[in-house]
Amino acid sequence: MKMPLMQFILALSLAFMAGTASAQAQQRAYAPENLRSLSVADQTRVISLEYSEQSNGRRIPDDQLRFYLDQIRQSNWTFSRIKQDIATSLGGNQGGWNPGSAGSVLCQSDNNRYRECRTNFRGPAVLSQNVSQTRCVEGQNWGSRAGIVWVDRGCKGRFVEGAGGGGQAFRCESDNGRYRECRTGSRGNVRLTRQLSSTRCIEGSTWGQRQGLVWVNGGCRGEFVQAGGGGWNPGAGDYSVTCSSQGGRRSTCAWNSRYGRPQLIQQLSSDSCREGSSWGYVDNQIWVDRGCRARFGARR
């Protein structure tokens, strides 16, 4: 009697293990197209599993995962859309969502104090990863100049060299809080290198840019420089986001920071879309207001 009982227990154990493996395989393979039907925890699980499967076991970067969760919530991305974007990101950057194969520099502001970190970058630095809980905003608590990245007020970030080698600096100043435009002499992207005013210069709010122009408003006075090479824009392709201000109210849409700063490529509303007034870009979000509805794409 002992032998048949042992065989029965062994057979039962093998059947249980096979069933568990089968369930795990089904769990890994399945996710509904409409990811909004899942909890955030389940969304995180299926996206992480999909990234792991496509990248041969690598862990999805935190900022890329956060971006997908935002796109599900705000733009109703489907599972197929996310799988396609994961494949694109892995194919274009050999598994890395953030560019910067030439090396990176970690610089941190300890106890909210100002600090400078030396780099071997010839061009301007680009924030590739916000490591601190404090949001790192260029021109406010971090910046760069030749061979130096500086951080302040709790910013801790990983920086890589941006495209291009920079250009001639110029100033643009909003006197008495008035709107002003300054010609750049080039169609390339511009970056704020030094804030000269006590009023904060925040891109999309108190300063912005379009082809050949920088505008400032609300008391912002700053020093700007050509970013060179059209900005940080790996594989822009046909990536675009449509964002609408419904009923004249402010609305936000998630933007994939991997494609650099967005630009207005098609106005879809009768109401005017003007950067800094009825649309802008802050913290990986496009905002629209006052009836603006438009399609935004990557700068080329």
Protein backbone atom coordinates (compact mmCIF):
# COMPACT_ATOMS: atom_id res chain seq x y z
CA MET A 1 0.00 0.00 0.00
CA LYS A 2 2.87 2.35 0.61
CA MET A 3 4.17 2.30 -2.95
CA PRO A 4 0.88 3.19 -4.65
CA LEU A 5 0.32 5.94 -2.10
CA MET A 6 3.76 7.43 -2.78
CA GLN A 7 3.16 7.25 -6.54
CA PHE A 8 -0.21 8.95 -6.08
CA ILE A 9 1.34 11.80 -4.06
CA LEU A 10 4.12 12.25 -6.62
CA ALA A 11 1.65 12.28 -9.51
CA LEU A 12 -0.51 14.79 -7.66
CA SER A 13 2.52 17.06 -7.01
CA LEU A 14 3.59 16.94 -10.65
CA ALA A 15 0.07 17.77 -11.79
CA PHE A 16 -0.04 20.75 -9.38
CA MET A 17 3.32 22.04 -10.62
CA ALA A 18 2.26 21.68 -14.24
CA GLY A 19 -0.96 23.53 -13.51
CA THR A 20 0.93 26.33 -11.74
CA ALA A 21 3.38 26.68 -14.62
CA SER A 22 0.50 26.75 -17.09
CA ALA A 23 -1.27 29.43 -15.06
CA GLN A 24 1.91 31.50 -14.90
CA ALA A 25 2.38 31.19 -18.65
CA GLN A 26 -1.20 32.34 -19.21
CA GLN A 27 -0.72 35.18 -16.74
CA ARG A 28 2.39 36.37 -18.55
CA ALA A 29 0.80 36.16 -21.98
CA TYR A 30 -2.58 37.73 -21.26
CA ALA A 31 -3.65 41.32 -20.79
CA PRO A 32 -6.80 43.05 -22.05
CA GLU A 33 -6.47 45.71 -24.74
CA ASN A 34 -8.26 48.17 -22.48
CA LEU A 35 -5.78 48.48 -19.63
CA ARG A 36 -8.06 50.93 -17.84
CA SER A 37 -10.10 47.90 -16.81
CA LEU A 38 -7.18 46.82 -14.60
CA SER A 39 -6.03 48.24 -11.30
CA VAL A 40 -2.82 50.30 -11.30
CA ALA A 41 -1.05 47.38 -9.62
CA ASP A 42 -2.12 45.01 -12.42
CA GLN A 43 -1.22 47.59 -15.08
CA THR A 44 2.24 47.82 -13.54
CA ARG A 45 2.54 44.03 -13.45
CA VAL A 46 1.59 43.37 -17.09
CA ILE A 47 3.70 46.24 -18.46
CA SER A 48 6.70 45.10 -16.41
CA LEU A 49 6.26 41.51 -17.62
CA GLU A 50 5.95 42.63 -21.23
CA TYR A 51 9.12 44.72 -20.98
CA SER A 52 10.95 41.82 -19.32
CA GLU A 53 9.88 39.41 -22.06
CA GLN A 54 10.94 41.76 -24.87
CA SER A 55 14.27 42.67 -23.24
CA ASN A 56 15.29 39.15 -22.14
CA GLY A 57 14.71 39.71 -18.45
CA ARG A 58 15.62 43.36 -17.93
CA ARG A 59 13.65 45.57 -15.57
CA ILE A 60 11.68 48.45 -17.05
CA PRO A 61 13.07 51.90 -16.08
CA ASP A 62 10.91 53.68 -13.51
CA ASP A 63 10.40 56.78 -15.65
CA GLN A 64 9.32 54.71 -18.66
CA LEU A 65 6.84 52.78 -16.50
CA ARG A 66 5.42 56.02 -15.07
CA PHE A 67 5.01 57.38 -18.58
CA TYR A 68 2.98 54.32 -19.68
CA LEU A 69 0.75 54.54 -16.60
CA ASP A 70 0.12 58.22 -17.37
CA GLN A 71 -0.70 57.40 -20.99
CA ILE A 72 -3.22 54.76 -19.91
CA ARG A 73 -4.89 57.20 -17.54
CA GLN A 74 -4.83 60.32 -19.70
CA SER A 75 -4.65 59.15 -23.33
CA ASN A 76 -6.24 55.68 -23.07
CA TRP A 77 -3.28 53.83 -24.57
CA THR A 78 -4.03 50.19 -25.35
CA PHE A 79 -1.83 47.24 -24.48
CA SER A 80 -0.88 46.86 -28.17
CA ARG A 81 0.23 50.51 -28.30
CA ILE A 82 2.42 50.03 -25.22
CA LYS A 83 3.92 46.80 -26.58
CA GLN A 84 4.77 48.58 -29.82
CA ASP A 85 6.38 51.50 -27.96
CA ILE A 86 8.42 49.11 -25.81
CA ALA A 87 9.68 47.37 -28.96
CA THR A 88 10.58 50.75 -30.50
CA SER A 89 12.44 51.90 -27.40
CA LEU A 90 14.42 48.66 -27.15
CA GLY A 91 15.19 48.58 -30.85
CA GLY A 92 16.35 52.20 -30.98
CA ASN A 93 18.47 52.31 -27.84
CA GLN A 94 19.65 48.71 -27.34
CA GLY A 95 17.40 48.39 -24.31
CA GLY A 96 17.97 51.80 -22.81
CA TRP A 97 15.10 54.27 -22.65
CA ASN A 98 17.42 57.23 -21.92
CA PRO A 99 20.13 58.15 -24.45
CA GLY A 100 23.67 58.99 -23.46
CA SER A 101 25.98 56.10 -24.28
CA ALA A 102 29.00 58.39 -24.05
CA GLY A 103 28.75 58.41 -20.26
CA SER A 104 26.74 60.10 -17.55
CA VAL A 105 27.39 62.17 -14.44
CA LEU A 106 25.48 61.93 -11.16
CA CYS A 107 25.26 65.30 -9.39
CA GLN A 108 23.36 65.97 -6.18
CA SER A 109 22.52 68.92 -3.96
CA ASP A 110 23.11 67.68 -0.39
CA ASN A 111 21.00 69.41 2.27
CA ASN A 112 19.61 71.74 -0.43
CA ARG A 113 23.05 73.31 -0.98
CA TYR A 114 24.49 74.50 -4.30
CA ARG A 115 27.02 72.14 -5.86
CA GLU A 116 29.00 71.94 -9.08
CA CYS A 117 30.08 68.69 -10.76
CA ARG A 118 32.75 68.50 -13.44
CA THR A 119 31.95 66.76 -16.73
CA ASN A 120 33.77 66.00 -19.96
CA PHE A 121 30.81 67.22 -22.00
CA ARG A 122 31.58 69.62 -24.82
CA GLY A 123 27.93 70.52 -25.34
CA PRO A 124 25.07 71.31 -22.96
CA ALA A 125 24.00 68.71 -20.40
CA VAL A 126 20.63 66.94 -20.49
CA LEU A 127 18.86 65.53 -17.43
CA SER A 128 18.40 61.82 -18.22
CA GLN A 129 17.10 60.69 -14.80
CA ASN A 130 15.55 62.62 -11.91
CA VAL A 131 16.89 60.67 -8.90
CA SER A 132 15.62 62.90 -6.08
CA GLN A 133 12.07 63.33 -4.84
CA THR A 134 12.61 67.03 -5.56
CA ARG A 135 11.85 67.70 -9.22
CA CYS A 136 14.90 68.93 -11.11
CA VAL A 137 13.95 71.86 -13.37
CA GLU A 138 16.59 73.34 -15.67
CA GLY A 139 17.25 77.00 -14.95
CA GLN A 140 15.75 76.74 -11.48
CA ASN A 141 17.65 74.10 -9.52
CA TRP A 142 20.08 72.78 -12.12
CA GLY A 143 21.97 74.04 -15.13
CA SER A 144 25.16 73.58 -17.07
CA ARG A 145 28.01 75.38 -18.77
CA ALA A 146 31.19 74.17 -20.44
CA GLY A 147 32.51 71.25 -18.40
CA ILE A 148 30.19 71.88 -15.43
CA VAL A 149 26.77 70.76 -14.23
CA TRP A 150 25.37 72.60 -11.20
CA VAL A 151 22.52 71.55 -8.90
CA ASP A 152 20.76 73.34 -6.05
CA ARG A 153 17.79 73.11 -3.65
CA GLY A 154 17.69 69.33 -3.32
CA CYS A 155 18.00 68.33 -6.98
CA LYS A 156 19.80 65.03 -7.55
CA GLY A 157 20.02 63.85 -11.14
CA ARG A 158 21.90 61.86 -13.70
CA PHE A 159 23.07 63.94 -16.65
CA VAL A 160 24.28 63.10 -20.13
CA GLU A 161 25.67 65.18 -22.95
CA GLY A 162 23.03 66.73 -25.17
CA ALA A 163 23.18 67.12 -28.92
CA GLY A 164 25.35 69.82 -30.43
CA GLY A 165 28.03 71.99 -28.93
CA GLY A 166 26.10 75.11 -28.02
CA GLY A 167 26.31 78.56 -29.57
CA GLN A 168 26.48 82.27 -28.87
CA ALA A 169 24.61 83.32 -25.72
CA PHE A 170 22.05 86.13 -25.84
CA ARG A 171 19.69 87.81 -23.39
CA CYS A 172 15.94 88.30 -23.55
CA GLU A 173 14.21 90.39 -20.86
CA SER A 174 10.61 91.08 -19.92
CA ASP A 175 10.77 94.69 -18.70
CA ASN A 176 8.04 95.73 -16.25
CA GLY A 177 6.42 92.32 -16.68
CA ARG A 178 5.62 92.92 -20.36
CA TYR A 179 5.67 90.32 -23.16
CA ARG A 180 8.71 90.54 -25.42
CA GLU A 181 10.13 88.57 -28.33
CA CYS A 182 13.83 88.21 -29.18
CA ARG A 183 15.21 86.83 -32.43
CA THR A 184 17.64 83.93 -32.10
CA GLY A 185 19.15 84.02 -35.59
CA SER A 186 18.58 80.29 -36.00
CA ARG A 187 15.76 77.78 -36.31
CA GLY A 188 17.32 75.41 -33.78
CA ASN A 189 16.17 74.87 -30.21
CA VAL A 190 17.13 77.30 -27.45
CA ARG A 191 17.83 76.58 -23.79
CA LEU A 192 17.90 78.80 -20.72
CA THR A 193 21.41 78.84 -19.26
CA ARG A 194 21.08 81.56 -16.62
CA GLN A 195 18.15 83.24 -14.91
CA LEU A 196 18.84 86.95 -14.40
CA SER A 197 15.58 87.98 -12.74
CA SER A 198 14.15 87.33 -9.30
CA THR A 199 11.00 86.19 -11.15
CA ARG A 200 11.31 82.54 -12.06
CA CYS A 201 11.80 81.76 -15.74
CA ILE A 202 9.74 78.64 -16.44
CA GLU A 203 9.51 77.38 -20.01
CA GLY A 204 5.93 77.30 -21.22
CA SER A 205 4.87 79.77 -18.55
CA THR A 206 7.13 82.85 -18.47
CA TRP A 207 9.28 82.02 -21.47
CA GLY A 208 9.08 79.90 -24.60
CA GLN A 209 10.29 79.52 -28.14
CA ARG A 210 9.24 78.98 -31.71
CA GLN A 211 11.22 78.99 -34.94
CA GLY A 212 13.72 81.83 -34.82
CA LEU A 213 12.24 83.46 -31.68
CA VAL A 214 12.41 83.36 -27.91
CA TRP A 215 9.60 85.06 -25.95
CA VAL A 216 9.60 86.15 -22.30
CA ASN A 217 6.78 87.46 -20.13
CA GLY A 218 5.80 88.22 -16.53
CA GLY A 219 9.20 89.64 -15.54
CA CYS A 220 11.42 86.79 -16.70
CA ARG A 221 14.91 87.92 -17.69
CA GLY A 222 17.29 85.25 -18.87
CA GLU A 223 20.37 84.31 -20.82
CA PHE A 224 19.79 81.78 -23.58
CA VAL A 225 21.94 79.74 -25.92
CA GLN A 226 21.34 77.62 -28.99
CA ALA A 227 21.00 73.99 -27.92
CA GLY A 228 22.37 72.76 -31.24
CA GLY A 229 21.33 69.83 -33.40
CA GLY A 230 17.64 70.51 -32.98
CA GLY A 231 17.61 69.33 -29.39
CA TRP A 232 17.44 65.93 -27.75
CA ASN A 233 15.17 63.96 -30.05
CA PRO A 234 16.03 60.28 -30.59
CA GLY A 235 13.94 58.72 -33.34
CA ALA A 236 11.05 61.18 -33.44
CA GLY A 237 9.35 59.34 -36.29
CA ASP A 238 5.60 60.01 -36.42
CA TYR A 239 5.12 60.40 -32.67
CA SER A 240 2.45 62.99 -31.85
CA VAL A 241 -0.15 63.78 -29.19
CA THR A 242 -3.48 65.53 -29.70
CA CYS A 243 -4.61 67.62 -26.73
CA SER A 244 -7.93 69.48 -26.38
CA SER A 245 -9.29 72.17 -24.07
CA GLN A 246 -12.90 71.11 -23.67
CA GLY A 247 -15.37 73.90 -22.90
CA GLY A 248 -12.52 76.40 -22.72
CA ARG A 249 -11.13 74.67 -19.63
CA ARG A 250 -7.51 73.76 -18.94
CA SER A 251 -6.55 70.19 -19.75
CA THR A 252 -3.30 68.22 -19.68
CA CYS A 253 -1.96 65.36 -21.81
CA ALA A 254 1.02 63.09 -21.10
CA TRP A 255 4.08 63.60 -23.32
CA ASN A 256 6.93 61.10 -23.70
CA SER A 257 10.02 63.03 -22.60
CA ARG A 258 12.17 60.63 -24.64
CA TYR A 259 11.23 62.76 -27.67
CA GLY A 260 12.42 66.04 -26.15
CA ARG A 261 10.20 69.14 -26.01
CA PRO A 262 7.00 69.14 -28.09
CA GLN A 263 6.06 71.70 -30.68
CA LEU A 264 2.70 72.66 -32.17
CA ILE A 265 2.44 71.02 -35.59
CA GLN A 266 -1.28 71.43 -36.35
CA GLN A 267 -3.94 73.69 -34.81
CA LEU A 268 -7.32 71.92 -34.87
CA SER A 269 -9.46 74.52 -33.12
CA SER A 270 -10.87 77.86 -34.26
CA ASP A 271 -9.53 79.34 -31.01
CA SER A 272 -5.92 80.43 -31.24
CA CYS A 273 -3.22 78.16 -29.77
CA ARG A 274 -0.40 80.38 -28.52
CA GLU A 275 2.49 78.97 -26.50
CA GLY A 276 2.60 80.38 -22.98
CA SER A 277 -0.97 81.65 -23.23
CA SER A 278 -3.23 78.80 -24.35
CA TRP A 279 -0.75 75.93 -24.43
CA GLY A 280 2.57 74.97 -22.87
CA TYR A 281 4.74 72.15 -21.62
CA VAL A 282 5.69 71.51 -17.98
CA ASP A 283 6.92 68.35 -16.21
CA ASN A 284 6.31 65.91 -19.11
CA GLN A 285 2.79 67.29 -19.57
CA ILE A 286 1.32 69.32 -22.43
CA TRP A 287 -1.34 71.73 -21.17
CA VAL A 288 -3.97 73.45 -23.26
CA ASP A 289 -6.48 76.14 -22.27
CA ARG A 290 -9.03 78.66 -23.62
CA GLY A 291 -10.40 76.35 -26.29
CA CYS A 292 -7.08 75.38 -27.87
CA ARG A 293 -7.12 71.98 -29.57
CA ALA A 294 -4.00 70.92 -31.43
CA ARG A 295 -1.67 68.14 -32.47
CA PHE A 296 1.84 68.28 -31.02
CA GLY A 297 4.92 66.52 -32.31
CA ALA A 298 8.61 66.16 -31.63
CA ARG A 299 11.04 68.84 -32.73
CA ARG A 300 13.18 67.64 -35.64
